[in-house]
Amino acid sequence: MVFVEQREDIIFVAFGKENAKDGSYVVEEGQSLIGTVVNIRDSQTYQKIYTLQVKDVPKPLLITGKRALVEAMGHGTRVVPPVKEGDLVKITYLGKIKTNKGKSAYNFKVEVDRS
Protein backbone atom coordinates (compact mmCIF):
# COMPACT_ATOMS: atom_id res chain seq x y z
CA MET A 1 0.00 0.00 0.00
CA VAL A 2 1.28 3.47 -0.87
CA PHE A 3 0.68 6.30 1.57
CA VAL A 4 -0.52 9.39 -0.28
CA GLU A 5 0.26 12.69 1.45
CA GLN A 6 -2.11 14.96 -0.47
CA ARG A 7 -5.75 14.07 0.14
CA GLU A 8 -8.69 16.40 -0.01
CA ASP A 9 -10.83 14.53 2.52
CA ILE A 10 -8.45 14.86 5.51
CA ILE A 11 -6.23 17.42 7.22
CA PHE A 12 -2.76 16.46 8.45
CA VAL A 13 -1.74 17.39 11.99
CA ALA A 14 1.62 19.09 12.52
CA PHE A 15 3.12 19.31 15.99
CA GLY A 16 4.90 22.68 15.93
CA LYS A 17 4.91 25.24 13.12
CA GLU A 18 8.31 24.03 11.91
CA ASN A 19 6.64 20.78 10.78
CA ALA A 20 3.60 22.39 9.14
CA LYS A 21 2.87 22.17 5.45
CA ASP A 22 0.21 24.20 3.69
CA GLY A 23 -3.20 23.29 5.04
CA SER A 24 -1.91 21.49 8.15
CA TYR A 25 -3.71 21.66 11.49
CA VAL A 26 -0.96 22.97 13.78
CA VAL A 27 -0.74 22.01 17.46
CA GLU A 28 1.83 24.14 19.29
CA GLU A 29 3.72 23.21 22.43
CA GLY A 30 1.33 23.21 25.40
CA GLN A 31 -1.79 22.97 23.24
CA SER A 32 -4.24 20.09 23.22
CA LEU A 33 -6.24 18.36 20.52
CA ILE A 34 -9.56 16.80 21.61
CA GLY A 35 -11.40 14.43 19.31
CA THR A 36 -12.94 11.04 18.72
CA VAL A 37 -10.72 8.34 17.25
CA VAL A 38 -12.46 7.19 14.07
CA ASN A 39 -9.68 5.03 12.64
CA ILE A 40 -6.40 3.43 13.71
CA ARG A 41 -4.29 1.66 11.14
CA ASP A 42 -0.85 0.12 10.94
CA SER A 43 1.82 1.71 8.79
CA GLN A 44 5.29 0.46 7.88
CA THR A 45 6.53 4.04 7.73
CA TYR A 46 4.79 5.54 10.78
CA GLN A 47 3.96 2.54 13.03
CA LYS A 48 0.38 3.78 13.47
CA ILE A 49 -1.81 6.32 11.73
CA TYR A 50 -4.64 7.84 13.76
CA THR A 51 -7.69 9.60 12.32
CA LEU A 52 -9.64 11.87 14.68
CA GLN A 53 -12.86 13.79 14.25
CA VAL A 54 -12.57 17.09 16.10
CA LYS A 55 -15.47 19.42 16.86
CA ASP A 56 -15.47 22.54 14.68
CA VAL A 57 -12.99 21.02 12.18
CA PRO A 58 -14.84 20.12 8.97
CA LYS A 59 -12.60 17.22 7.91
CA PRO A 60 -11.03 14.36 9.86
CA LEU A 61 -7.52 15.01 11.20
CA LEU A 62 -4.77 12.54 10.36
CA ILE A 63 -1.90 12.01 12.80
CA THR A 64 1.10 9.94 11.78
CA GLY A 65 2.40 8.02 14.77
CA LYS A 66 5.36 9.63 16.42
CA ARG A 67 6.97 6.99 18.64
CA ALA A 68 6.06 8.82 21.85
CA LEU A 69 2.46 9.23 20.68
CA VAL A 70 2.16 5.55 19.74
CA GLU A 71 3.41 4.66 23.23
CA ALA A 72 1.06 7.13 24.94
CA MET A 73 -1.86 5.77 22.90
CA GLY A 74 -1.05 2.27 24.22
CA HIS A 75 0.08 0.77 20.92
CA GLY A 76 3.78 0.46 21.73
CA THR A 77 5.77 -1.50 24.29
CA ARG A 78 4.51 0.25 27.44
CA VAL A 79 1.72 -1.50 29.26
CA VAL A 80 -1.18 0.96 29.16
CA PRO A 81 -4.73 0.23 27.99
CA PRO A 82 -4.68 0.93 24.24
CA VAL A 83 -6.80 3.67 22.73
CA LYS A 84 -9.38 2.22 20.38
CA GLU A 85 -11.75 3.48 17.73
CA GLY A 86 -14.67 5.37 19.29
CA ASP A 87 -12.62 6.67 22.24
CA LEU A 88 -12.60 10.40 22.98
CA VAL A 89 -8.98 11.47 23.43
CA LYS A 90 -7.18 14.59 24.54
CA ILE A 91 -3.66 14.73 23.12
CA THR A 92 -1.47 17.43 24.66
CA TYR A 93 1.75 18.26 22.85
CA LEU A 94 4.29 18.90 25.61
CA GLY A 95 7.10 19.89 23.24
CA LYS A 96 10.36 18.20 22.42
CA ILE A 97 12.77 16.54 24.82
CA LYS A 98 16.28 15.11 24.54
CA THR A 99 16.53 11.31 24.66
CA ASN A 100 19.22 9.40 26.54
CA LYS A 101 21.05 9.20 23.20
CA GLY A 102 20.96 12.99 22.83
CA LYS A 103 18.39 13.02 20.04
CA SER A 104 15.30 15.22 19.91
CA ALA A 105 11.95 13.49 20.49
CA TYR A 106 8.32 14.54 20.77
CA ASN A 107 6.61 14.42 24.16
CA PHE A 108 2.84 13.89 24.58
CA LYS A 109 0.25 13.36 27.27
CA VAL A 110 -2.82 11.36 26.23
CA GLU A 111 -6.03 11.26 28.23
CA VAL A 112 -8.89 8.94 27.26
CA ASP A 113 -12.61 9.22 28.03
CA ARG A 114 -14.40 5.95 27.39
CA SER A 115 -17.69 6.91 29.06
C-alpha atoms as a PDB file:
ATOM      1  CA  MET A   1       0.000   0.000   0.000  1.00  0.00           C
ATOM      2  CA  VAL A   2       1.275   3.466  -0.872  1.00  0.00           C
ATOM      3  CA  PHE A   3       0.675   6.304   1.574  1.00  0.00           C
ATOM      4  CA  VAL A   4      -0.522   9.387  -0.281  1.00  0.00           C
ATOM      5  CA  GLU A   5       0.256  12.687   1.452  1.00  0.00           C
ATOM      6  CA  GLN A   6      -2.113  14.960  -0.468  1.00  0.00           C
ATOM      7  CA  ARG A   7      -5.747  14.070   0.144  1.00  0.00           C
ATOM      8  CA  GLU A   8      -8.688  16.404  -0.013  1.00  0.00           C
ATOM      9  CA  ASP A   9     -10.832  14.528   2.518  1.00  0.00           C
ATOM     10  CA  ILE A  10      -8.451  14.857   5.512  1.00  0.00           C
ATOM     11  CA  ILE A  11      -6.231  17.418   7.220  1.00  0.00           C
ATOM     12  CA  PHE A  12      -2.759  16.462   8.445  1.00  0.00           C
ATOM     13  CA  VAL A  13      -1.735  17.394  11.987  1.00  0.00           C
ATOM     14  CA  ALA A  14       1.622  19.092  12.519  1.00  0.00           C
ATOM     15  CA  PHE A  15       3.121  19.314  15.991  1.00  0.00           C
ATOM     16  CA  GLY A  16       4.904  22.677  15.934  1.00  0.00           C
ATOM     17  CA  LYS A  17       4.912  25.241  13.120  1.00  0.00           C
ATOM     18  CA  GLU A  18       8.308  24.032  11.913  1.00  0.00           C
ATOM     19  CA  ASN A  19       6.642  20.782  10.784  1.00  0.00           C
ATOM     20  CA  ALA A  20       3.604  22.385   9.140  1.00  0.00           C
ATOM     21  CA  LYS A  21       2.867  22.166   5.453  1.00  0.00           C
ATOM     22  CA  ASP A  22       0.205  24.199   3.688  1.00  0.00           C
ATOM     23  CA  GLY A  23      -3.205  23.288   5.039  1.00  0.00           C
ATOM     24  CA  SER A  24      -1.908  21.491   8.150  1.00  0.00           C
ATOM     25  CA  TYR A  25      -3.711  21.656  11.488  1.00  0.00           C
ATOM     26  CA  VAL A  26      -0.963  22.966  13.780  1.00  0.00           C
ATOM     27  CA  VAL A  27      -0.740  22.011  17.457  1.00  0.00           C
ATOM     28  CA  GLU A  28       1.827  24.137  19.288  1.00  0.00           C
ATOM     29  CA  GLU A  29       3.723  23.210  22.434  1.00  0.00           C
ATOM     30  CA  GLY A  30       1.330  23.215  25.402  1.00  0.00           C
ATOM     31  CA  GLN A  31      -1.788  22.971  23.235  1.00  0.00           C
ATOM     32  CA  SER A  32      -4.242  20.086  23.219  1.00  0.00           C
ATOM     33  CA  LEU A  33      -6.241  18.363  20.524  1.00  0.00           C
ATOM     34  CA  ILE A  34      -9.557  16.800  21.608  1.00  0.00           C
ATOM     35  CA  GLY A  35     -11.400  14.430  19.313  1.00  0.00           C
ATOM     36  CA  THR A  36     -12.942  11.038  18.723  1.00  0.00           C
ATOM     37  CA  VAL A  37     -10.719   8.339  17.249  1.00  0.00           C
ATOM     38  CA  VAL A  38     -12.459   7.195  14.073  1.00  0.00           C
ATOM     39  CA  ASN A  39      -9.679   5.029  12.641  1.00  0.00           C
ATOM     40  CA  ILE A  40      -6.401   3.430  13.706  1.00  0.00           C
ATOM     41  CA  ARG A  41      -4.290   1.656  11.145  1.00  0.00           C
ATOM     42  CA  ASP A  42      -0.848   0.120  10.939  1.00  0.00           C
ATOM     43  CA  SER A  43       1.825   1.705   8.788  1.00  0.00           C
ATOM     44  CA  GLN A  44       5.292   0.463   7.879  1.00  0.00           C
ATOM     45  CA  THR A  45       6.527   4.043   7.726  1.00  0.00           C
ATOM     46  CA  TYR A  46       4.787   5.542  10.783  1.00  0.00           C
ATOM     47  CA  GLN A  47       3.962   2.540  13.029  1.00  0.00           C
ATOM     48  CA  LYS A  48       0.377   3.778  13.466  1.00  0.00           C
ATOM     49  CA  ILE A  49      -1.811   6.321  11.728  1.00  0.00           C
ATOM     50  CA  TYR A  50      -4.641   7.838  13.761  1.00  0.00           C
ATOM     51  CA  THR A  51      -7.687   9.603  12.318  1.00  0.00           C
ATOM     52  CA  LEU A  52      -9.640  11.874  14.678  1.00  0.00           C
ATOM     53  CA  GLN A  53     -12.857  13.795  14.255  1.00  0.00           C
ATOM     54  CA  VAL A  54     -12.565  17.088  16.100  1.00  0.00           C
ATOM     55  CA  LYS A  55     -15.470  19.418  16.861  1.00  0.00           C
ATOM     56  CA  ASP A  56     -15.469  22.539  14.679  1.00  0.00           C
ATOM     57  CA  VAL A  57     -12.990  21.017  12.183  1.00  0.00           C
ATOM     58  CA  PRO A  58     -14.845  20.117   8.974  1.00  0.00           C
ATOM     59  CA  LYS A  59     -12.599  17.221   7.911  1.00  0.00           C
ATOM     60  CA  PRO A  60     -11.027  14.360   9.861  1.00  0.00           C
ATOM     61  CA  LEU A  61      -7.523  15.009  11.204  1.00  0.00           C
ATOM     62  CA  LEU A  62      -4.772  12.542  10.364  1.00  0.00           C
ATOM     63  CA  ILE A  63      -1.895  12.011  12.800  1.00  0.00           C
ATOM     64  CA  THR A  64       1.103   9.942  11.776  1.00  0.00           C
ATOM     65  CA  GLY A  65       2.396   8.023  14.774  1.00  0.00           C
ATOM     66  CA  LYS A  66       5.358   9.631  16.420  1.00  0.00           C
ATOM     67  CA  ARG A  67       6.969   6.988  18.641  1.00  0.00           C
ATOM     68  CA  ALA A  68       6.061   8.823  21.855  1.00  0.00           C
ATOM     69  CA  LEU A  69       2.460   9.226  20.683  1.00  0.00           C
ATOM     70  CA  VAL A  70       2.163   5.550  19.739  1.00  0.00           C
ATOM     71  CA  GLU A  71       3.414   4.657  23.233  1.00  0.00           C
ATOM     72  CA  ALA A  72       1.061   7.127  24.943  1.00  0.00           C
ATOM     73  CA  MET A  73      -1.860   5.766  22.904  1.00  0.00           C
ATOM     74  CA  GLY A  74      -1.049   2.267  24.216  1.00  0.00           C
ATOM     75  CA  HIS A  75       0.084   0.766  20.916  1.00  0.00           C
ATOM     76  CA  GLY A  76       3.780   0.461  21.733  1.00  0.00           C
ATOM     77  CA  THR A  77       5.766  -1.501  24.286  1.00  0.00           C
ATOM     78  CA  ARG A  78       4.506   0.253  27.443  1.00  0.00           C
ATOM     79  CA  VAL A  79       1.717  -1.502  29.260  1.00  0.00           C
ATOM     80  CA  VAL A  80      -1.180   0.961  29.164  1.00  0.00           C
ATOM     81  CA  PRO A  81      -4.725   0.235  27.990  1.00  0.00           C
ATOM     82  CA  PRO A  82      -4.680   0.931  24.243  1.00  0.00           C
ATOM     83  CA  VAL A  83      -6.798   3.673  22.730  1.00  0.00           C
ATOM     84  CA  LYS A  84      -9.382   2.215  20.377  1.00  0.00           C
ATOM     85  CA  GLU A  85     -11.749   3.478  17.729  1.00  0.00           C
ATOM     86  CA  GLY A  86     -14.667   5.365  19.292  1.00  0.00           C
ATOM     87  CA  ASP A  87     -12.617   6.668  22.241  1.00  0.00           C
ATOM     88  CA  LEU A  88     -12.596  10.401  22.983  1.00  0.00           C
ATOM     89  CA  VAL A  89      -8.977  11.472  23.431  1.00  0.00           C
ATOM     90  CA  LYS A  90      -7.177  14.591  24.541  1.00  0.00           C
ATOM     91  CA  ILE A  91      -3.665  14.731  23.124  1.00  0.00           C
ATOM     92  CA  THR A  92      -1.473  17.427  24.663  1.00  0.00           C
ATOM     93  CA  TYR A  93       1.752  18.260  22.846  1.00  0.00           C
ATOM     94  CA  LEU A  94       4.287  18.904  25.608  1.00  0.00           C
ATOM     95  CA  GLY A  95       7.105  19.887  23.240  1.00  0.00           C
ATOM     96  CA  LYS A  96      10.364  18.197  22.418  1.00  0.00           C
ATOM     97  CA  ILE A  97      12.769  16.540  24.819  1.00  0.00           C
ATOM     98  CA  LYS A  98      16.276  15.107  24.538  1.00  0.00           C
ATOM     99  CA  THR A  99      16.526  11.314  24.665  1.00  0.00           C
ATOM    100  CA  ASN A 100      19.224   9.405  26.540  1.00  0.00           C
ATOM    101  CA  LYS A 101      21.049   9.198  23.199  1.00  0.00           C
ATOM    102  CA  GLY A 102      20.960  12.993  22.830  1.00  0.00           C
ATOM    103  CA  LYS A 103      18.388  13.023  20.040  1.00  0.00           C
ATOM    104  CA  SER A 104      15.298  15.216  19.911  1.00  0.00           C
ATOM    105  CA  ALA A 105      11.949  13.491  20.495  1.00  0.00           C
ATOM    106  CA  TYR A 106       8.321  14.542  20.769  1.00  0.00           C
ATOM    107  CA  ASN A 107       6.606  14.418  24.159  1.00  0.00           C
ATOM    108  CA  PHE A 108       2.842  13.895  24.575  1.00  0.00           C
ATOM    109  CA  LYS A 109       0.249  13.364  27.268  1.00  0.00           C
ATOM    110  CA  VAL A 110      -2.819  11.359  26.231  1.00  0.00           C
ATOM    111  CA  GLU A 111      -6.027  11.259  28.233  1.00  0.00           C
ATOM    112  CA  VAL A 112      -8.893   8.936  27.258  1.00  0.00           C
ATOM    113  CA  ASP A 113     -12.614   9.216  28.029  1.00  0.00           C
ATOM    114  CA  ARG A 114     -14.404   5.947  27.391  1.00  0.00           C
ATOM    115  CA  SER A 115     -17.692   6.914  29.055  1.00  0.00           C
END
